[in-house]
PDB file of N, CA and C in Angstrom:
ATOM      1  N   UNK A   1      -1.760 -14.191  23.402  1.00  0.00           N
ATOM      2  CA  UNK A   1      -2.178 -15.570  23.523  1.00  0.00           C
ATOM      3  C   UNK A   1      -3.672 -15.705  23.246  1.00  0.00           C
ATOM      4  N   UNK A   2      -4.458 -14.790  23.780  1.00  0.00           N
ATOM      5  CA  UNK A   2      -5.906 -14.862  23.584  1.00  0.00           C
ATOM      6  C   UNK A   2      -6.277 -14.586  22.132  1.00  0.00           C
ATOM      7  N   UNK A   3      -5.547 -13.681  21.478  1.00  0.00           N
ATOM      8  CA  UNK A   3      -5.860 -13.385  20.082  1.00  0.00           C
ATOM      9  C   UNK A   3      -5.573 -14.581  19.181  1.00  0.00           C
ATOM     10  N   UNK A   4      -4.548 -15.353  19.496  1.00  0.00           N
ATOM     11  CA  UNK A   4      -4.252 -16.561  18.719  1.00  0.00           C
ATOM     12  C   UNK A   4      -5.392 -17.566  18.843  1.00  0.00           C
ATOM     13  N   UNK A   5      -5.927 -17.690  20.048  1.00  0.00           N
ATOM     14  CA  UNK A   5      -7.034 -18.624  20.282  1.00  0.00           C
ATOM     15  C   UNK A   5      -8.278 -18.172  19.519  1.00  0.00           C
ATOM     16  N   UNK A   6      -8.562 -16.888  19.564  1.00  0.00           N
ATOM     17  CA  UNK A   6      -9.710 -16.340  18.838  1.00  0.00           C
ATOM     18  C   UNK A   6      -9.518 -16.526  17.339  1.00  0.00           C
ATOM     19  N   UNK A   7      -8.316 -16.277  16.870  1.00  0.00           N
ATOM     20  CA  UNK A   7      -8.017 -16.446  15.449  1.00  0.00           C
ATOM     21  C   UNK A   7      -8.217 -17.900  15.027  1.00  0.00           C
ATOM     22  N   UNK A   8      -7.741 -18.829  15.818  1.00  0.00           N
ATOM     23  CA  UNK A   8      -7.876 -20.254  15.503  1.00  0.00           C
ATOM     24  C   UNK A   8      -9.345 -20.674  15.487  1.00  0.00           C
ATOM     25  N   UNK A   9     -10.112 -20.208  16.460  1.00  0.00           N
ATOM     26  CA  UNK A   9     -11.541 -20.535  16.516  1.00  0.00           C
ATOM     27  C   UNK A   9     -12.262 -19.943  15.308  1.00  0.00           C
ATOM     28  N   UNK A  10     -11.938 -18.716  14.962  1.00  0.00           N
ATOM     29  CA  UNK A  10     -12.564 -18.065  13.812  1.00  0.00           C
ATOM     30  C   UNK A  10     -12.273 -18.825  12.526  1.00  0.00           C
ATOM     31  N   UNK A  11     -11.046 -19.263  12.351  1.00  0.00           N
ATOM     32  CA  UNK A  11     -10.679 -20.022  11.153  1.00  0.00           C
ATOM     33  C   UNK A  11     -11.462 -21.329  11.091  1.00  0.00           C
ATOM     34  N   UNK A  12     -11.574 -22.026  12.213  1.00  0.00           N
ATOM     35  CA  UNK A  12     -12.317 -23.288  12.232  1.00  0.00           C
ATOM     36  C   UNK A  12     -13.801 -23.068  11.954  1.00  0.00           C
ATOM     37  N   UNK A  13     -14.377 -22.014  12.506  1.00  0.00           N
ATOM     38  CA  UNK A  13     -15.788 -21.713  12.250  1.00  0.00           C
ATOM     39  C   UNK A  13     -15.991 -21.383  10.775  1.00  0.00           C
ATOM     40  N   UNK A  14     -15.103 -20.597  10.205  1.00  0.00           N
ATOM     41  CA  UNK A  14     -15.190 -20.258   8.787  1.00  0.00           C
ATOM     42  C   UNK A  14     -15.054 -21.509   7.921  1.00  0.00           C
ATOM     43  N   UNK A  15     -14.115 -22.372   8.264  1.00  0.00           N
ATOM     44  CA  UNK A  15     -13.914 -23.624   7.534  1.00  0.00           C
ATOM     45  C   UNK A  15     -15.164 -24.502   7.611  1.00  0.00           C
ATOM     46  N   UNK A  16     -15.758 -24.599   8.789  1.00  0.00           N
ATOM     47  CA  UNK A  16     -16.980 -25.390   8.961  1.00  0.00           C
ATOM     48  C   UNK A  16     -18.122 -24.804   8.134  1.00  0.00           C
ATOM     49  N   UNK A  17     -18.233 -23.486   8.100  1.00  0.00           N
ATOM     50  CA  UNK A  17     -19.278 -22.846   7.306  1.00  0.00           C
ATOM     51  C   UNK A  17     -19.088 -23.112   5.821  1.00  0.00           C
ATOM     52  N   UNK A  18     -17.848 -23.046   5.347  1.00  0.00           N
ATOM     53  CA  UNK A  18     -17.571 -23.320   3.932  1.00  0.00           C
ATOM     54  C   UNK A  18     -17.959 -24.754   3.590  1.00  0.00           C
ATOM     55  N   UNK A  19     -17.588 -25.699   4.440  1.00  0.00           N
ATOM     56  CA  UNK A  19     -17.977 -27.093   4.200  1.00  0.00           C
ATOM     57  C   UNK A  19     -19.498 -27.250   4.194  1.00  0.00           C
ATOM     58  N   UNK A  20     -20.168 -26.607   5.131  1.00  0.00           N
ATOM     59  CA  UNK A  20     -21.630 -26.659   5.190  1.00  0.00           C
ATOM     60  C   UNK A  20     -22.237 -26.095   3.903  1.00  0.00           C
ATOM     61  N   UNK A  21     -21.723 -24.958   3.454  1.00  0.00           N
ATOM     62  CA  UNK A  21     -22.248 -24.332   2.240  1.00  0.00           C
ATOM     63  C   UNK A  21     -22.030 -25.217   1.021  1.00  0.00           C
ATOM     64  N   UNK A  22     -20.879 -25.870   0.948  1.00  0.00           N
ATOM     65  CA  UNK A  22     -20.587 -26.745  -0.190  1.00  0.00           C
ATOM     66  C   UNK A  22     -21.518 -27.947  -0.196  1.00  0.00           C
ATOM     67  N   UNK A  23     -21.722 -28.562   0.952  1.00  0.00           N
ATOM     68  CA  UNK A  23     -22.547 -29.769   1.002  1.00  0.00           C
ATOM     69  C   UNK A  23     -24.037 -29.480   0.858  1.00  0.00           C
ATOM     70  N   UNK A  24     -24.497 -28.323   1.300  1.00  0.00           N
ATOM     71  CA  UNK A  24     -25.922 -28.031   1.202  1.00  0.00           C
ATOM     72  C   UNK A  24     -26.302 -27.457  -0.153  1.00  0.00           C
ATOM     73  N   UNK A  25     -25.367 -26.810  -0.835  1.00  0.00           N
ATOM     74  CA  UNK A  25     -25.673 -26.210  -2.134  1.00  0.00           C
ATOM     75  C   UNK A  25     -24.449 -26.274  -3.042  1.00  0.00           C
ATOM     76  N   UNK A  26     -24.136 -27.448  -3.567  1.00  0.00           N
ATOM     77  CA  UNK A  26     -22.921 -27.579  -4.377  1.00  0.00           C
ATOM     78  C   UNK A  26     -22.967 -26.781  -5.681  1.00  0.00           C
ATOM     79  N   UNK A  27     -24.149 -26.633  -6.278  1.00  0.00           N
ATOM     80  CA  UNK A  27     -24.239 -25.875  -7.529  1.00  0.00           C
ATOM     81  C   UNK A  27     -23.909 -24.402  -7.319  1.00  0.00           C
ATOM     82  N   UNK A  28     -24.479 -23.824  -6.268  1.00  0.00           N
ATOM     83  CA  UNK A  28     -24.179 -22.419  -5.969  1.00  0.00           C
ATOM     84  C   UNK A  28     -22.714 -22.235  -5.600  1.00  0.00           C
ATOM     85  N   UNK A  29     -22.178 -23.182  -4.853  1.00  0.00           N
ATOM     86  CA  UNK A  29     -20.771 -23.104  -4.462  1.00  0.00           C
ATOM     87  C   UNK A  29     -19.870 -23.144  -5.687  1.00  0.00           C
ATOM     88  N   UNK A  30     -20.202 -24.007  -6.642  1.00  0.00           N
ATOM     89  CA  UNK A  30     -19.413 -24.087  -7.870  1.00  0.00           C
ATOM     90  C   UNK A  30     -19.504 -22.788  -8.661  1.00  0.00           C
ATOM     91  N   UNK A  31     -20.688 -22.188  -8.700  1.00  0.00           N
ATOM     92  CA  UNK A  31     -20.841 -20.911  -9.395  1.00  0.00           C
ATOM     93  C   UNK A  31     -20.013 -19.815  -8.735  1.00  0.00           C
ATOM     94  N   UNK A  32     -19.996 -19.797  -7.415  1.00  0.00           N
ATOM     95  CA  UNK A  32     -19.215 -18.791  -6.693  1.00  0.00           C
ATOM     96  C   UNK A  32     -17.734 -18.961  -6.982  1.00  0.00           C
ATOM     97  N   UNK A  33     -17.252 -20.200  -6.940  1.00  0.00           N
ATOM     98  CA  UNK A  33     -15.834 -20.454  -7.220  1.00  0.00           C
ATOM     99  C   UNK A  33     -15.506 -20.057  -8.654  1.00  0.00           C
ATOM    100  N   UNK A  34     -16.379 -20.393  -9.587  1.00  0.00           N
ATOM    101  CA  UNK A  34     -16.164 -20.038 -10.992  1.00  0.00           C
ATOM    102  C   UNK A  34     -16.110 -18.522 -11.165  1.00  0.00           C
ATOM    103  N   UNK A  35     -17.012 -17.796 -10.507  1.00  0.00           N
ATOM    104  CA  UNK A  35     -17.025 -16.337 -10.608  1.00  0.00           C
ATOM    105  C   UNK A  35     -15.768 -15.720 -10.005  1.00  0.00           C
ATOM    106  N   UNK A  36     -15.328 -16.254  -8.878  1.00  0.00           N
ATOM    107  CA  UNK A  36     -14.097 -15.745  -8.260  1.00  0.00           C
ATOM    108  C   UNK A  36     -12.915 -16.004  -9.178  1.00  0.00           C
ATOM    109  N   UNK A  37     -12.849 -17.203  -9.772  1.00  0.00           N
ATOM    110  CA  UNK A  37     -11.755 -17.533 -10.690  1.00  0.00           C
ATOM    111  C   UNK A  37     -11.767 -16.592 -11.894  1.00  0.00           C
ATOM    112  N   UNK A  38     -12.945 -16.335 -12.470  1.00  0.00           N
ATOM    113  CA  UNK A  38     -13.045 -15.421 -13.607  1.00  0.00           C
ATOM    114  C   UNK A  38     -12.597 -14.016 -13.227  1.00  0.00           C
ATOM    115  N   UNK A  39     -12.962 -13.581 -12.030  1.00  0.00           N
ATOM    116  CA  UNK A  39     -12.555 -12.260 -11.556  1.00  0.00           C
ATOM    117  C   UNK A  39     -11.042 -12.166 -11.422  1.00  0.00           C
ATOM    118  N   UNK A  40     -10.421 -13.181 -10.832  1.00  0.00           N
ATOM    119  CA  UNK A  40      -8.966 -13.185 -10.678  1.00  0.00           C
ATOM    120  C   UNK A  40      -8.265 -13.253 -12.030  1.00  0.00           C
ATOM    121  N   UNK A  41      -8.766 -14.096 -12.932  1.00  0.00           N
ATOM    122  CA  UNK A  41      -8.157 -14.213 -14.259  1.00  0.00           C
ATOM    123  C   UNK A  41      -8.263 -12.899 -15.017  1.00  0.00           C
ATOM    124  N   UNK A  42      -9.386 -12.246 -14.918  1.00  0.00           N
ATOM    125  CA  UNK A  42      -9.571 -10.954 -15.577  1.00  0.00           C
ATOM    126  C   UNK A  42      -8.625  -9.908 -15.000  1.00  0.00           C
ATOM    127  N   UNK A  43      -8.458  -9.914 -13.691  1.00  0.00           N
ATOM    128  CA  UNK A  43      -7.539  -8.969 -13.052  1.00  0.00           C
ATOM    129  C   UNK A  43      -6.108  -9.175 -13.501  1.00  0.00           C
ATOM    130  N   UNK A  44      -5.673 -10.426 -13.591  1.00  0.00           N
ATOM    131  CA  UNK A  44      -4.308 -10.715 -14.042  1.00  0.00           C
ATOM    132  C   UNK A  44      -4.140 -10.299 -15.498  1.00  0.00           C
ATOM    133  N   UNK A  45      -5.141 -10.573 -16.320  1.00  0.00           N
ATOM    134  CA  UNK A  45      -5.078 -10.183 -17.731  1.00  0.00           C
ATOM    135  C   UNK A  45      -4.990  -8.666 -17.873  1.00  0.00           C
ATOM    136  N   UNK A  46      -5.779  -7.942 -17.086  1.00  0.00           N
ATOM    137  CA  UNK A  46      -5.743  -6.479 -17.138  1.00  0.00           C
ATOM    138  C   UNK A  46      -4.403  -5.932 -16.664  1.00  0.00           C
ATOM    139  N   UNK A  47      -3.817  -6.564 -15.656  1.00  0.00           N
ATOM    140  CA  UNK A  47      -2.491  -6.126 -15.206  1.00  0.00           C
ATOM    141  C   UNK A  47      -1.464  -6.357 -16.305  1.00  0.00           C
ATOM    142  N   UNK A  48      -1.561  -7.477 -17.014  1.00  0.00           N
ATOM    143  CA  UNK A  48      -0.666  -7.741 -18.133  1.00  0.00           C
ATOM    144  C   UNK A  48      -0.811  -6.700 -19.219  1.00  0.00           C
ATOM    145  N   UNK A  49      -2.053  -6.346 -19.552  1.00  0.00           N
ATOM    146  CA  UNK A  49      -2.291  -5.303 -20.550  1.00  0.00           C
ATOM    147  C   UNK A  49      -1.718  -3.966 -20.099  1.00  0.00           C
ATOM    148  N   UNK A  50      -1.860  -3.653 -18.828  1.00  0.00           N
ATOM    149  CA  UNK A  50      -1.334  -2.403 -18.284  1.00  0.00           C
ATOM    150  C   UNK A  50       0.180  -2.330 -18.431  1.00  0.00           C
ATOM    151  N   UNK A  51       0.868  -3.407 -18.043  1.00  0.00           N
ATOM    152  CA  UNK A  51       2.321  -3.389 -18.128  1.00  0.00           C
ATOM    153  C   UNK A  51       2.805  -3.420 -19.573  1.00  0.00           C
ATOM    154  N   UNK A  52       2.060  -4.069 -20.460  1.00  0.00           N
ATOM    155  CA  UNK A  52       2.407  -4.027 -21.883  1.00  0.00           C
ATOM    156  C   UNK A  52       2.299  -2.603 -22.406  1.00  0.00           C
ATOM    157  N   UNK A  53       1.257  -1.888 -21.962  1.00  0.00           N
ATOM    158  CA  UNK A  53       1.076  -0.504 -22.396  1.00  0.00           C
ATOM    159  C   UNK A  53       2.194   0.384 -21.862  1.00  0.00           C
ATOM    160  N   UNK A  54       2.650   0.125 -20.663  1.00  0.00           N
ATOM    161  CA  UNK A  54       3.740   0.922 -20.090  1.00  0.00           C
ATOM    162  C   UNK A  54       5.034   0.673 -20.849  1.00  0.00           C
ATOM    163  N   UNK A  55       5.315  -0.596 -21.138  1.00  0.00           N
ATOM    164  CA  UNK A  55       6.548  -0.942 -21.835  1.00  0.00           C
ATOM    165  C   UNK A  55       6.476  -0.497 -23.288  1.00  0.00           C
ATOM    166  N   UNK A  56       5.293  -0.497 -23.859  1.00  0.00           N
ATOM    167  CA  UNK A  56       5.126  -0.050 -25.228  1.00  0.00           C
ATOM    168  C   UNK A  56       5.190  -1.162 -26.249  1.00  0.00           C
ATOM    169  N   UNK A  57       4.950  -2.385 -25.827  1.00  0.00           N
ATOM    170  CA  UNK A  57       4.971  -3.507 -26.779  1.00  0.00           C
ATOM    171  C   UNK A  57       3.583  -3.960 -27.100  1.00  0.00           C
TER     172      UNK A  57
END
């Protein structure tokens, strides 16, 4: 029961921090989101290349 409460408080604090970061520095926040998106897209592309190499196509 106590861990659920701590988890909920932690999530709310993290959410509040994200909102604070977005409102105080929207340009940096946009750059961070863009970089994370590029990283994820690159990872998916590399996984596709890996499986293509395994299949041999």
